[in-house]
Protein backbone atom coordinates (compact mmCIF):
# COMPACT_ATOMS: atom_id res chain seq x y z
CA MET A 1 -44.20 44.64 -23.73
CA VAL A 2 -41.51 42.70 -22.45
CA ARG A 3 -40.89 42.96 -18.87
CA LYS A 4 -37.06 44.18 -18.62
CA TRP A 5 -36.55 41.56 -15.56
CA TRP A 6 -32.66 41.99 -15.77
CA LYS A 7 -33.21 45.68 -14.64
CA THR A 8 -34.41 44.70 -11.48
CA SER A 9 -32.42 46.21 -8.40
CA PRO A 10 -29.83 45.24 -6.99
CA SER A 11 -28.61 42.90 -9.73
CA ILE A 12 -26.34 40.19 -8.72
CA TYR A 13 -23.58 42.17 -10.26
CA GLN A 14 -24.27 45.56 -8.63
CA HIS A 15 -24.63 43.67 -5.13
CA LEU A 16 -21.27 42.12 -5.56
CA ARG A 17 -19.57 44.95 -6.75
CA ASP A 18 -20.79 47.42 -4.06
CA GLY A 19 -19.43 44.84 -1.03
CA GLY A 20 -23.14 43.12 -0.65
CA GLY A 21 -22.52 39.95 1.41
CA GLU A 22 -22.50 36.12 0.56
CA ASP A 23 -26.10 35.82 0.44
CA LEU A 24 -27.47 37.08 -2.97
CA PRO A 25 -30.55 39.09 -4.07
CA ASP A 26 -31.98 35.85 -5.41
CA GLU A 27 -32.00 34.09 -1.79
CA ALA A 28 -35.12 34.73 -0.51
CA GLY A 29 -38.10 32.33 -1.74
CA ARG A 30 -35.84 29.82 -3.02
CA PRO A 31 -37.20 26.58 -3.15
CA GLY A 32 -35.54 23.30 -1.43
CA PRO A 33 -32.40 23.18 1.03
CA ARG A 34 -30.14 25.90 1.27
CA TRP A 35 -26.68 24.76 -0.49
CA ALA A 36 -23.43 26.50 0.37
CA PRO A 37 -22.07 28.37 -2.48
CA GLY A 38 -20.78 26.71 -5.51
CA ALA A 39 -22.24 23.54 -3.46
CA GLN A 40 -25.12 22.38 -5.66
CA ASP A 41 -23.02 22.82 -8.53
CA GLY A 42 -20.02 21.41 -7.23
CA VAL A 43 -21.90 18.38 -5.89
CA LEU A 44 -23.18 17.80 -9.42
CA ILE A 45 -19.77 18.17 -11.17
CA TYR A 46 -18.05 15.73 -9.17
CA HIS A 47 -20.42 13.17 -8.08
CA TRP A 48 -23.16 12.97 -11.03
CA GLY A 49 -21.14 11.69 -13.98
CA GLY A 50 -24.97 12.05 -15.50
CA GLN A 51 -25.66 13.88 -18.87
CA ALA A 52 -27.58 17.00 -19.65
CA ASP A 53 -31.43 17.15 -20.28
CA GLU A 54 -32.06 17.25 -24.27
CA GLU A 55 -35.40 19.23 -23.63
CA GLU A 56 -33.78 21.96 -21.22
CA LEU A 57 -30.77 21.77 -23.67
CA ARG A 58 -33.32 22.32 -26.83
CA ARG A 59 -35.13 24.87 -25.02
CA LEU A 60 -32.44 27.00 -23.84
CA SER A 61 -30.46 26.89 -27.12
CA ALA A 62 -33.47 28.11 -28.90
CA ALA A 63 -34.21 31.13 -26.83
CA ILE A 64 -30.63 31.57 -26.64
CA ALA A 65 -30.92 32.14 -30.92
CA THR A 66 -33.70 34.79 -29.98
CA ILE A 67 -30.72 37.10 -28.56
CA LYS A 68 -33.65 38.20 -25.92
CA PRO A 69 -32.65 38.32 -22.61
CA GLY A 70 -36.06 38.16 -21.24
CA THR A 71 -36.80 35.10 -23.35
CA VAL A 72 -33.73 33.37 -22.27
CA ARG A 73 -34.42 34.07 -18.55
CA GLU A 74 -37.62 32.63 -18.84
CA ALA A 75 -36.39 29.76 -20.48
CA ILE A 76 -34.32 29.03 -17.63
CA GLY A 77 -36.82 28.08 -15.47
CA GLU A 78 -35.06 25.50 -12.73
CA ALA A 79 -32.63 24.22 -15.25
CA ARG A 80 -29.20 24.22 -13.84
CA ILE A 81 -26.73 25.66 -16.04
CA VAL A 82 -23.60 24.26 -14.92
CA ALA A 83 -25.07 20.34 -16.64
CA LEU A 84 -25.72 22.40 -19.57
CA VAL A 85 -23.39 24.87 -20.23
CA ASP A 86 -21.10 22.30 -22.75
CA GLY A 87 -23.81 21.96 -24.37
CA LEU A 88 -25.01 25.01 -24.80
CA LEU A 89 -21.74 26.58 -26.06
CA SER A 90 -21.62 24.06 -28.91
CA GLU A 91 -24.65 24.94 -30.06
CA VAL A 92 -24.34 28.68 -30.09
CA ARG A 93 -20.76 28.07 -32.12
CA SER A 94 -22.14 25.69 -34.76
CA ALA A 95 -25.28 28.00 -35.00
CA GLY A 96 -24.09 31.09 -36.83
CA LEU A 97 -25.12 33.33 -34.41
CA ASP A 98 -24.87 37.47 -34.79
CA PRO A 99 -21.55 37.75 -32.41
CA ASN A 100 -21.67 41.24 -31.21
CA GLY A 101 -25.77 39.73 -30.41
CA ILE A 102 -24.35 36.45 -28.12
CA TYR A 103 -21.85 39.22 -26.68
CA ASP A 104 -24.48 42.05 -25.59
CA LEU A 105 -26.69 38.93 -24.26
CA GLY A 106 -23.87 37.51 -21.99
CA TYR A 107 -22.76 40.92 -20.83
CA ALA A 108 -26.72 41.76 -20.25
CA LEU A 109 -27.29 38.21 -18.49
CA ALA A 110 -24.11 38.20 -16.53
CA THR A 111 -24.27 41.67 -15.18
CA GLU A 112 -27.44 42.63 -15.10
CA SER A 113 -29.48 39.69 -13.72
CA SER A 114 -30.76 39.16 -10.33
CA GLU A 115 -30.95 35.48 -10.52
CA ARG A 116 -27.62 33.25 -10.59
CA GLU A 117 -28.24 30.85 -13.45
CA ALA A 118 -29.10 33.40 -15.84
CA VAL A 119 -25.74 35.01 -14.42
CA LYS A 120 -23.79 31.97 -14.78
CA LEU A 121 -25.27 31.64 -19.03
CA GLY A 122 -24.06 35.22 -19.03
CA ILE A 123 -20.47 34.41 -17.84
CA ALA A 124 -20.34 31.18 -20.11
CA LEU A 125 -21.40 33.36 -23.19
CA LEU A 126 -19.09 35.89 -22.32
CA GLY A 127 -16.25 33.34 -22.10
CA LEU A 128 -16.55 33.02 -25.81
CA PHE A 129 -14.90 36.07 -26.36
CA ASP A 130 -11.46 37.97 -25.31
CA ALA A 131 -11.53 37.94 -21.67
CA ALA A 132 -10.00 41.38 -21.79
CA HIS A 133 -13.08 42.83 -22.70
CA HIS A 134 -15.07 42.16 -19.61
CA ARG A 135 -11.91 41.19 -17.03
CA ASP A 136 -12.87 43.24 -14.30
CA GLU A 137 -16.86 41.91 -14.45
CA LEU A 138 -15.35 38.45 -14.31
CA MET A 139 -13.11 39.13 -11.36
CA THR A 140 -16.19 40.85 -9.47
CA LEU A 141 -18.53 38.05 -10.18
CA GLY A 142 -15.57 35.21 -9.72
CA ARG A 143 -15.05 36.31 -5.93
CA HIS A 144 -18.40 34.60 -4.82
CA ASP A 145 -18.01 30.94 -4.74
CA GLU A 146 -21.13 30.47 -6.69
CA PHE A 147 -19.93 31.74 -9.96
CA THR A 148 -16.11 31.18 -9.99
CA LEU A 149 -16.24 27.82 -11.86
CA PHE A 150 -17.71 29.76 -14.72
CA ALA A 151 -14.88 32.71 -14.14
CA LEU A 152 -12.31 30.76 -14.14
CA ILE A 153 -13.17 29.42 -17.75
CA ALA A 154 -14.08 32.70 -18.94
CA LEU A 155 -11.02 34.33 -17.85
CA SER A 156 -8.89 31.48 -19.22
CA ASN A 157 -10.02 32.80 -22.87
CA THR A 158 -7.36 35.39 -23.31
CA GLU A 159 -4.50 36.34 -25.64
CA GLY A 160 -2.63 36.22 -22.35
CA ASP A 161 -1.76 34.47 -19.13
CA PRO A 162 -4.65 34.32 -17.08
CA THR A 163 -2.52 32.97 -14.02
CA ALA A 164 -2.12 35.78 -12.22
CA ASP A 165 -6.08 36.58 -12.38
CA LEU A 166 -6.84 33.37 -11.68
CA TRP A 167 -4.58 32.83 -8.36
CA ALA A 168 -5.72 36.47 -7.28
CA LEU A 169 -9.35 34.90 -6.98
CA ALA A 170 -8.13 31.57 -5.52
CA ARG A 171 -6.65 33.71 -2.60
CA GLN A 172 -10.23 35.35 -2.20
CA VAL A 173 -12.66 32.38 -2.61
CA HIS A 174 -12.25 29.35 -0.10
CA GLY A 175 -15.10 27.02 -0.75
CA TRP A 176 -15.98 25.32 -4.07
CA GLY A 177 -14.40 28.29 -6.00
CA ARG A 178 -11.09 27.60 -4.72
CA ILE A 179 -11.62 24.01 -5.39
CA HIS A 180 -12.32 24.93 -8.75
CA LEU A 181 -9.22 27.29 -9.21
CA VAL A 182 -6.66 25.13 -7.25
CA GLU A 183 -7.34 22.34 -9.37
CA ARG A 184 -6.55 24.65 -12.54
CA LEU A 185 -3.86 26.23 -11.25
CA ALA A 186 -2.39 23.18 -10.22
CA GLN A 187 -1.62 22.94 -13.92
CA VAL A 188 0.48 25.97 -13.89
CA PRO A 189 4.48 25.17 -14.01
CA ASP A 190 5.25 28.76 -11.72
CA PRO A 191 6.91 27.43 -8.51
CA ALA A 192 5.43 30.37 -6.65
CA VAL A 193 1.84 28.83 -7.13
CA ARG A 194 2.71 25.82 -6.34
CA ASP A 195 4.47 26.90 -2.96
CA TRP A 196 0.98 28.73 -2.29
CA ILE A 197 -1.09 25.60 -3.23
CA VAL A 198 1.10 23.42 -1.09
CA ARG A 199 1.68 25.36 1.76
CA GLU A 200 -1.55 26.96 1.95
CA GLY A 201 -3.77 26.84 -1.35
CA PHE A 202 -5.18 23.14 -0.46
CA ARG A 203 -7.07 24.63 2.79
CA ASN A 204 -11.03 24.98 1.94
CA ALA A 205 -14.14 25.43 3.32
CA VAL A 206 -15.42 22.74 1.71
CA MET A 207 -13.51 19.42 2.37
CA THR A 208 -9.50 19.75 2.81
CA GLY A 209 -9.62 16.22 1.02
CA TYR A 210 -10.74 17.55 -2.06
CA LEU A 211 -7.20 19.25 -2.81
CA ALA A 212 -4.52 17.36 -0.86
CA GLY A 213 -3.83 14.77 -3.03
CA THR A 214 -3.30 17.96 -5.70
CA ALA A 215 -1.35 19.97 -3.51
CA ALA A 216 0.98 17.02 -2.84
CA GLU A 217 1.67 15.99 -6.11
CA ALA A 218 1.92 20.01 -7.59
CA GLY A 219 3.58 20.98 -4.98
CA ASP A 220 5.93 18.35 -4.72
CA LEU A 221 5.58 17.39 -1.08
CA ALA A 222 7.94 14.59 -0.78
CA GLY A 223 10.64 16.72 -2.19
CA ARG A 224 10.26 19.42 -0.04
CA LEU A 225 10.38 17.17 2.78
CA ALA A 226 14.19 16.03 1.42
CA GLY A 227 15.24 19.08 2.37
CA THR A 228 14.81 21.41 4.99
CA PRO A 229 11.10 22.13 5.56
CA ASP A 230 10.39 25.19 7.55
CA ASP A 231 7.64 25.64 10.44
CA GLU A 232 4.80 26.08 7.86
CA LEU A 233 5.52 23.78 5.38
CA LEU A 234 5.51 21.08 7.74
CA GLU A 235 2.52 21.82 9.49
CA ALA A 236 0.78 21.98 6.22
CA ALA A 237 2.44 18.64 5.39
CA GLY A 238 1.11 16.87 8.48
CA GLU A 239 -2.32 18.15 7.48
CA ILE A 240 -2.26 17.02 3.89
CA LEU A 241 -0.96 13.75 4.52
CA THR A 242 -3.24 13.00 7.49
CA THR A 243 -6.00 13.98 5.00
CA LEU A 244 -5.01 11.77 2.36
CA THR A 245 -5.33 8.54 5.34
CA GLU A 246 -9.10 8.84 4.91
CA GLU A 247 -9.60 6.46 2.12
CA GLY A 248 -12.67 5.78 0.53
CA GLY A 249 -14.38 9.11 0.06
CA PRO A 250 -15.44 11.22 -3.10
CA PHE A 251 -11.44 11.74 -3.70
CA ALA A 252 -8.04 9.67 -3.85
CA GLY A 253 -6.77 9.21 -0.97
CA MET A 254 -2.98 7.88 0.21
CA SER A 255 -3.54 5.30 -2.35
CA GLY A 256 -3.55 7.78 -4.98
CA TYR A 257 -0.72 9.16 -4.23
CA GLN A 258 2.47 7.90 -5.31
CA GLU A 259 5.62 9.25 -3.10
CA GLY A 260 2.95 8.97 -0.08
CA ARG A 261 4.98 6.33 1.36
CA ARG A 262 8.29 8.57 1.26
CA ALA A 263 6.52 11.77 2.01
CA THR A 264 4.82 10.41 5.29
CA GLU A 265 8.39 9.04 6.45
CA LEU A 266 10.11 12.05 6.28
CA TYR A 267 7.51 14.00 7.75
CA LEU A 268 7.98 11.72 10.39
CA GLY A 269 11.51 11.83 11.02
CA HIS A 270 11.69 15.97 10.59
CA ILE A 271 9.08 15.44 13.79
CA ASP A 272 11.19 12.64 15.43
CA ALA A 273 14.09 15.13 15.14
CA ARG A 274 12.10 18.08 17.10
CA THR A 275 10.80 16.18 19.65
CA ARG A 276 13.67 14.21 20.01
CA SER A 277 15.88 17.20 20.78
CA PHE A 278 13.80 19.15 23.66
CA GLY A 279 15.57 19.09 27.12
CA PRO A 280 13.93 19.11 30.68
CA GLY A 281 11.19 21.63 30.98
CA GLU A 282 11.47 22.94 27.04
CA ARG A 283 8.51 21.82 24.64
CA PRO A 284 7.19 22.66 21.12
CA ASP A 285 4.81 25.30 21.67
CA ALA A 286 1.00 24.74 21.44
CA ARG A 287 0.98 24.53 17.52
CA GLY A 288 3.12 21.14 18.01
CA LEU A 289 -0.10 19.43 19.26
CA ARG A 290 -1.24 19.42 15.46
CA HIS A 291 1.71 17.55 15.18
CA PHE A 292 1.10 14.98 17.75
CA LEU A 293 -2.67 14.37 16.14
CA HIS A 294 -1.04 14.08 12.94
CA VAL A 295 1.16 11.62 13.80
CA HIS A 296 -1.35 9.43 15.81
CA ALA A 297 -3.46 9.77 12.39
CA LEU A 298 -0.55 8.28 10.34
CA ARG A 299 -0.31 5.85 12.79
CA GLY A 300 -3.40 4.07 12.23
CA TYR A 301 -2.74 4.08 9.00
CA ALA A 302 0.62 2.90 9.44
CA ALA A 303 -0.53 0.26 11.50
CA GLU A 304 -2.58 -1.28 8.18
CA HIS A 305 -0.98 -0.18 5.08
CA TRP A 306 3.43 0.63 6.00
CA PRO A 307 3.57 -1.70 9.19
CA GLU A 308 7.59 -0.72 9.02
CA LEU A 309 6.75 2.98 10.27
CA LEU A 310 4.74 2.11 13.17
CA SER A 311 7.42 2.05 15.58
CA ARG A 312 8.46 5.44 14.43
CA CYS A 313 5.23 6.51 14.83
CA GLU A 314 4.72 4.84 18.59
CA GLU A 315 8.34 6.39 19.83
CA ILE A 316 6.73 9.91 19.11
CA LEU A 317 3.56 9.52 20.46
CA THR A 318 4.86 7.88 23.59
CA ARG A 319 7.21 10.86 24.64
CA PRO A 320 6.79 12.72 27.85
CA VAL A 321 6.80 16.16 26.14
CA TRP A 322 2.85 15.50 24.35
CA ALA A 323 1.77 14.84 28.25
CA ASP A 324 2.92 18.12 29.32
CA LEU A 325 2.28 20.41 26.30
CA ALA A 326 -1.73 19.05 26.14
CA PRO A 327 -3.01 20.29 29.43
CA SER A 328 -0.98 23.47 29.75
CA ALA A 329 -2.70 24.21 25.77
CA LEU A 330 -5.67 23.39 26.88
CA ALA A 331 -5.67 26.01 29.51
CA ALA A 332 -4.41 28.74 27.47
CA ALA A 333 -6.26 28.25 24.94
CA ASP A 334 -7.42 31.59 23.68
CA ASP A 335 -9.87 30.48 20.19
CA ASP A 336 -11.87 27.76 19.91
CA VAL A 337 -9.96 26.15 17.37
CA ALA A 338 -6.82 25.94 20.09
CA PHE A 339 -9.41 24.71 22.29
CA GLY A 340 -10.75 22.12 20.34
CA LEU A 341 -7.06 20.60 19.65
CA ALA A 342 -6.29 20.53 22.74
CA VAL A 343 -9.00 18.65 23.58
CA GLN A 344 -8.72 16.06 21.38
CA ALA A 345 -4.95 15.61 22.17
CA CYS A 346 -5.94 15.45 25.58
CA GLU A 347 -8.51 12.57 25.23
CA LEU A 348 -5.97 10.35 23.64
CA LEU A 349 -3.73 11.05 26.12
CA GLY A 350 -6.11 9.78 28.96
CA ILE A 351 -6.16 13.58 30.48
CA PRO A 352 -9.66 14.96 31.65
CA THR A 353 -11.38 17.41 29.64
CA SER A 354 -14.61 17.58 31.05
CA ASP A 355 -14.08 20.41 33.43
CA ALA A 356 -12.27 22.95 30.54
CA LEU A 357 -15.29 22.01 28.82
CA ARG A 358 -17.91 23.24 30.90
CA GLU A 359 -15.94 26.31 31.91
CA ARG A 360 -15.61 26.79 28.09
CA LEU A 361 -19.56 26.44 27.68
CA ARG A 362 -20.53 28.57 30.84
CA ALA A 363 -18.90 31.18 28.67
CA GLU A 364 -20.04 30.47 25.33
CA PRO A 365 -23.15 27.84 25.24
CA TYR A 366 -23.14 27.44 21.82
CA GLY A 367 -19.76 25.89 20.97
CA GLU A 368 -21.60 22.56 19.58
CA ALA A 369 -17.94 21.45 19.10
CA HIS A 370 -17.82 21.44 22.67
CA TRP A 371 -21.48 19.59 23.63
CA TYR A 372 -20.10 17.25 21.19
CA ALA A 373 -16.54 16.21 23.09
CA LEU A 374 -18.69 16.58 26.29
CA MET A 375 -21.16 14.23 25.32
CA ARG A 376 -18.28 11.96 23.98
CA GLN A 377 -17.10 11.51 27.04
CA ALA A 378 -20.37 11.12 29.17
CA THR A 379 -20.82 8.06 31.26
CA PRO A 380 -23.54 6.72 33.38
CA GLN A 381 -22.36 8.24 36.45
CA ASN A 382 -22.33 11.96 34.67
CA VAL A 383 -24.40 11.96 31.41
CA ASP A 384 -27.58 13.59 33.77
CA GLU A 385 -25.21 16.58 34.59
CA VAL A 386 -24.02 17.29 31.19
CA LEU A 387 -27.72 17.17 29.99
CA THR A 388 -28.59 19.57 33.13
CA LEU A 389 -26.37 22.09 32.27
CA ALA A 390 -27.31 21.83 28.52
CA ALA A 391 -30.72 22.68 29.46
CA GLU A 392 -29.41 25.13 31.90
CA LEU A 393 -27.31 26.71 29.34
CA LEU A 394 -29.79 26.70 25.95
CA PRO A 395 -32.79 28.62 25.17
CA LEU A 396 -34.46 25.66 24.88
CA ALA A 397 -38.13 27.90 24.79
CA GLY A 398 -36.52 29.95 22.01
CA ILE A 399 -35.55 26.78 20.47
CA ALA A 400 -39.18 25.05 20.60
CA SER A 401 -40.56 28.23 18.69
CA GLY A 402 -42.91 25.62 16.79
CA PRO A 403 -42.57 23.20 13.78
CA GLY A 404 -40.91 24.51 10.28
CA GLU A 405 -38.96 23.69 7.12
CA GLU A 406 -35.85 25.52 8.40
CA ASP A 407 -32.28 23.76 6.93
CA GLY A 408 -30.62 25.47 10.37
CA PHE A 409 -28.45 27.52 8.46
CA GLY A 410 -26.96 30.59 9.27
CA PRO A 411 -25.66 32.32 12.89
CA ARG A 412 -29.43 32.89 13.97
CA PHE A 413 -29.60 29.10 13.96
CA ARG A 414 -26.46 28.58 16.54
CA ALA A 415 -28.50 27.11 19.51
CA HIS A 416 -30.05 24.52 17.10
CA HIS A 417 -26.79 23.38 16.06
CA ALA A 418 -25.74 22.99 19.47
CA LEU A 419 -28.89 21.31 20.55
CA ASP A 420 -28.15 18.90 17.66
CA MET A 421 -24.68 17.75 18.98
CA LEU A 422 -26.57 16.69 22.47
CA LEU A 423 -29.63 15.32 20.31
CA GLN A 424 -27.48 13.22 17.76
CA SER A 425 -25.80 10.96 21.22
CA MET A 426 -28.61 10.14 23.15
CA ASP A 427 -30.34 7.67 21.58
CA ALA A 428 -27.19 6.07 23.82
CA TRP A 429 -29.04 7.52 26.67
CA PRO A 430 -32.47 6.17 26.99
CA GLY A 431 -35.20 7.34 29.60
CA ARG A 432 -32.69 10.74 30.17
CA GLY A 433 -32.54 14.20 28.65
CA TRP A 434 -36.32 14.73 28.49
CA PRO A 435 -36.16 18.57 28.30
CA LEU A 436 -33.86 18.91 25.37
CA ILE A 437 -35.75 15.91 23.59
CA ALA A 438 -38.64 18.17 24.20
CA ALA A 439 -37.26 21.59 22.78
CA GLY A 440 -36.06 19.34 19.49
CA LEU A 441 -39.59 17.78 18.76
CA ALA A 442 -40.89 21.63 18.86
CA SER A 443 -38.29 23.04 17.20
CA PRO A 444 -38.49 24.67 13.26
CA VAL A 445 -35.38 22.74 12.05
CA VAL A 446 -36.07 19.80 10.64
CA ARG A 447 -32.85 18.19 11.62
CA ASN A 448 -33.36 18.71 15.21
CA ARG A 449 -36.61 17.21 15.15
CA ASN A 450 -35.59 14.06 13.11
CA LEU A 451 -32.59 13.81 16.17
CA ALA A 452 -35.47 14.15 18.51
CA ILE A 453 -37.33 11.21 17.26
CA ARG A 454 -34.50 8.95 17.26
CA ALA A 455 -33.64 9.51 20.40
CA LEU A 456 -37.22 8.97 21.98
CA ALA A 457 -37.31 5.88 19.61
CA ALA A 458 -34.78 4.60 22.22
CA TRP A 459 -36.39 4.94 25.17
CA ASP A 460 -39.13 1.88 26.19
CA HIS A 461 -42.03 2.61 24.61
CA ALA A 462 -44.28 1.07 27.13
CA THR A 463 -42.81 3.37 30.05
CA LEU A 464 -43.29 6.90 27.92
CA PRO A 465 -43.80 9.55 30.39
CA PRO A 466 -47.33 11.21 30.03
CA GLU A 467 -45.66 14.10 28.95
CA ALA A 468 -43.86 12.83 26.03
CA ARG A 469 -46.54 11.07 25.06
CA ALA A 470 -48.63 13.95 24.30
CA ALA A 471 -45.50 16.00 23.56
CA VAL A 472 -45.58 13.32 20.46
CA ALA A 473 -49.38 13.62 19.90
CA ALA A 474 -48.83 17.23 19.49
CA ALA A 475 -45.67 17.04 17.09
CA LEU A 476 -47.76 14.67 14.87
CA HIS A 477 -50.47 17.04 14.81
CA ALA A 478 -48.18 19.93 13.78
CA GLU A 479 -45.55 18.61 11.70
CA PRO A 480 -45.52 19.72 8.22
CA ASP A 481 -42.67 17.80 6.84
CA SER A 482 -44.18 14.66 5.38
CA ALA A 483 -41.04 12.41 6.43
CA VAL A 484 -40.79 13.93 9.77
CA ARG A 485 -44.41 12.56 10.02
CA GLU A 486 -44.30 9.25 9.16
CA ARG A 487 -41.15 9.18 11.75
CA LEU A 488 -43.80 10.79 14.58
CA GLU A 489 -46.36 8.13 13.32
CA CYS A 490 -44.14 5.06 13.80
CA LEU A 491 -43.33 6.59 17.19
CA HIS A 492 -46.40 7.68 18.59
CA GLU A 493 -47.86 3.85 17.40
CA GLY A 494 -44.88 2.31 18.94
CA ARG A 495 -44.06 0.83 15.81
CA PRO A 496 -39.93 0.78 14.52
CA GLN A 497 -38.17 3.52 12.76
CA PRO A 498 -38.48 3.39 8.93
């Protein structure tokens, strides 16, 4: 008798339909590093450029031909459906299989499976049919970034216009799902959709660069800046243009945006006019610091590519209003984002922030960005104070619970993330911060251990204190990861790191 694996409770669809969180039912026991929802498929789509595995394609095509969910599930194994889906659907179309059987198979896989790759294959099979028959199911699954790409393709197969459904999903997802949806929506002529993309839709939890160019083009950023932009649009423009200055990444930067120079000049003109108009005692609100940071980034790009815009940037950045606004914003910031922006602006203006950072960290010891900023400002005169404060505020004994193979994702690893921010800078300070390094060596998070090894490798091996030698030997004996063990062996023997 075939085991009805797809009846496992809860199925992924049930989990999402009933308001379940981001973690899916098949999360426990999944091999390898934990990926953010949709990230592994996103990386394959944007950065792989390979071809489907022919053996996997044949195996799965044969399983689909049986119209048996159990057989299909067993055939999936470790396959990534995103790499096979085009070939599989082509095989299904040409095989002359019973449409009703394929529909029932797709529906069962999509709504009754407890494993994500089976759900993706089910959604893909449903995409061969009019989405009106299973719209609600696709909308439920599509709200999770892991399945959004498959849902949007299936939703697009409809006799009507899928724009409203795709836009509704785009406003509910924030990771890879939003990236896929916005790229599809950018092709829609609806002015309301394009306005949303350039004002808000480009923002995502993966990397703004994936959608910045899309937003600038689809939203006619230069054309909008030629008019009278409101505060929301002007903030979005600064963020988009700043992101586009980051050339050399996995996406097109400013060089791929034909109207980049014009849009930048128009943006600078608006910021120039707004900051020029302030009288004595007047100043922009704290959000204005974002424009200061954007103009600073644009100055760096202009210096290399648009020297004719450099003087406009300099004139804006040297206005006294910023030196007045930044420390006030630092003191008044009521959330970490506003505080972080104020720290960045103060640093660029030469205004000390170390006291404010220490105060913030005493209230919230796991503020990883604040530890990073504090270490960035460290000097030979005060670095020991910073490291002592960290040893006082972080639960080092709890962090040092023993080596494991944890990737460090999730709220239970907040302290480990904070330690990361310290350890990654400590190779610049050999001989200092041993309690933090010791905790890192015994952490269950692999990155903590690697950073601790890197920091300790910067010390003079000949003068390592006895406790450090003993800790390295103990760590080497207990290390479960072969790559980390190799680094520990080099450290133990005084050899260069691999």
